[in-house]
Amino acid sequence: MRIGDLPYVGDPLEEGAEDRVFDSLLLLGPVIVALIAVLGRSALTTGIAVAYLSSFVGYVLYRGILEGA
């Protein structure tokens, strides 16, 4: 079984921008939100959220600079 065979995951991967990292970050966002909802707000979940947002923003900026050059 491939990740594209999973429900709700296959369509965004097939229709995405042909960028697996960006697609993965987009799909990981709701998982992070659900994790925070289940575990509650703590230093661990805050760190996970900060790491996720930093990597998402960093990757978007990286791709923007790379494409703009």
C-alpha atoms as a PDB file:
ATOM      1  CA  MET A   1       0.000   0.000   0.000  1.00  0.00           C
ATOM      2  CA  ARG A   2       1.284   3.418  -0.955  1.00  0.00           C
ATOM      3  CA  ILE A   3       0.510   6.673   0.822  1.00  0.00           C
ATOM      4  CA  GLY A   4      -1.419   7.837  -2.226  1.00  0.00           C
ATOM      5  CA  ASP A   5      -3.870   4.967  -1.741  1.00  0.00           C
ATOM      6  CA  LEU A   6      -5.095   6.344   1.608  1.00  0.00           C
ATOM      7  CA  PRO A   7      -8.434   8.167   1.603  1.00  0.00           C
ATOM      8  CA  TYR A   8      -8.216  11.980   1.693  1.00  0.00           C
ATOM      9  CA  VAL A   9      -4.487  11.775   0.933  1.00  0.00           C
ATOM     10  CA  GLY A  10      -4.383  10.489  -2.629  1.00  0.00           C
ATOM     11  CA  ASP A  11      -6.315  13.350  -4.205  1.00  0.00           C
ATOM     12  CA  PRO A  12      -4.143  16.188  -2.836  1.00  0.00           C
ATOM     13  CA  LEU A  13      -1.015  14.283  -3.819  1.00  0.00           C
ATOM     14  CA  GLU A  14      -2.268  13.740  -7.368  1.00  0.00           C
ATOM     15  CA  GLU A  15      -3.643  17.264  -7.789  1.00  0.00           C
ATOM     16  CA  GLY A  16      -0.844  18.994  -5.909  1.00  0.00           C
ATOM     17  CA  ALA A  17       1.934  21.208  -7.165  1.00  0.00           C
ATOM     18  CA  GLU A  18       4.235  18.254  -7.854  1.00  0.00           C
ATOM     19  CA  ASP A  19       6.152  19.123  -4.704  1.00  0.00           C
ATOM     20  CA  ARG A  20       6.096  16.247  -2.233  1.00  0.00           C
ATOM     21  CA  VAL A  21       7.596  18.281   0.620  1.00  0.00           C
ATOM     22  CA  PHE A  22       4.965  21.015   0.316  1.00  0.00           C
ATOM     23  CA  ASP A  23       2.158  18.464  -0.025  1.00  0.00           C
ATOM     24  CA  SER A  24       3.440  16.584   3.019  1.00  0.00           C
ATOM     25  CA  LEU A  25       3.617  19.770   5.072  1.00  0.00           C
ATOM     26  CA  LEU A  26       0.056  20.663   4.067  1.00  0.00           C
ATOM     27  CA  LEU A  27      -1.224  17.221   5.029  1.00  0.00           C
ATOM     28  CA  LEU A  28       0.709  17.274   8.312  1.00  0.00           C
ATOM     29  CA  GLY A  29      -0.950  20.506   9.483  1.00  0.00           C
ATOM     30  CA  PRO A  30      -4.293  18.977  10.516  1.00  0.00           C
ATOM     31  CA  VAL A  31      -2.445  16.122  12.222  1.00  0.00           C
ATOM     32  CA  ILE A  32      -0.530  18.656  14.311  1.00  0.00           C
ATOM     33  CA  VAL A  33      -3.764  20.464  15.214  1.00  0.00           C
ATOM     34  CA  ALA A  34      -5.415  17.166  16.228  1.00  0.00           C
ATOM     35  CA  LEU A  35      -2.356  16.220  18.283  1.00  0.00           C
ATOM     36  CA  ILE A  36      -2.528  19.516  20.150  1.00  0.00           C
ATOM     37  CA  ALA A  37      -6.281  19.058  20.695  1.00  0.00           C
ATOM     38  CA  VAL A  38      -5.756  15.569  22.136  1.00  0.00           C
ATOM     39  CA  LEU A  39      -2.671  16.266  24.247  1.00  0.00           C
ATOM     40  CA  GLY A  40      -3.590  19.790  25.297  1.00  0.00           C
ATOM     41  CA  ARG A  41      -1.355  22.792  25.338  1.00  0.00           C
ATOM     42  CA  SER A  42       2.038  22.063  26.846  1.00  0.00           C
ATOM     43  CA  ALA A  43       5.666  22.843  26.234  1.00  0.00           C
ATOM     44  CA  LEU A  44       5.920  19.744  24.012  1.00  0.00           C
ATOM     45  CA  THR A  45       2.944  20.598  21.785  1.00  0.00           C
ATOM     46  CA  THR A  46       4.005  24.245  21.613  1.00  0.00           C
ATOM     47  CA  GLY A  47       7.453  23.107  20.471  1.00  0.00           C
ATOM     48  CA  ILE A  48       5.924  20.816  17.855  1.00  0.00           C
ATOM     49  CA  ALA A  49       3.735  23.655  16.562  1.00  0.00           C
ATOM     50  CA  VAL A  50       6.674  26.086  16.439  1.00  0.00           C
ATOM     51  CA  ALA A  51       8.822  23.516  14.630  1.00  0.00           C
ATOM     52  CA  TYR A  52       6.057  22.813  12.126  1.00  0.00           C
ATOM     53  CA  LEU A  53       5.347  26.476  11.420  1.00  0.00           C
ATOM     54  CA  SER A  54       9.053  27.275  11.156  1.00  0.00           C
ATOM     55  CA  SER A  55       9.654  24.466   8.698  1.00  0.00           C
ATOM     56  CA  PHE A  56       6.563  25.384   6.648  1.00  0.00           C
ATOM     57  CA  VAL A  57       7.424  29.081   6.431  1.00  0.00           C
ATOM     58  CA  GLY A  58      11.098  28.285   5.857  1.00  0.00           C
ATOM     59  CA  TYR A  59      10.313  25.908   3.026  1.00  0.00           C
ATOM     60  CA  VAL A  60       7.915  28.340   1.356  1.00  0.00           C
ATOM     61  CA  LEU A  61      10.527  31.115   1.572  1.00  0.00           C
ATOM     62  CA  TYR A  62      13.236  28.762   0.302  1.00  0.00           C
ATOM     63  CA  ARG A  63      11.108  27.753  -2.688  1.00  0.00           C
ATOM     64  CA  GLY A  64      10.183  31.395  -3.330  1.00  0.00           C
ATOM     65  CA  ILE A  65      13.797  32.497  -3.342  1.00  0.00           C
ATOM     66  CA  LEU A  66      14.852  29.484  -5.422  1.00  0.00           C
ATOM     67  CA  GLU A  67      12.130  30.044  -8.020  1.00  0.00           C
ATOM     68  CA  GLY A  68      12.697  33.816  -8.046  1.00  0.00           C
ATOM     69  CA  ALA A  69      16.409  33.525  -8.793  1.00  0.00           C
END
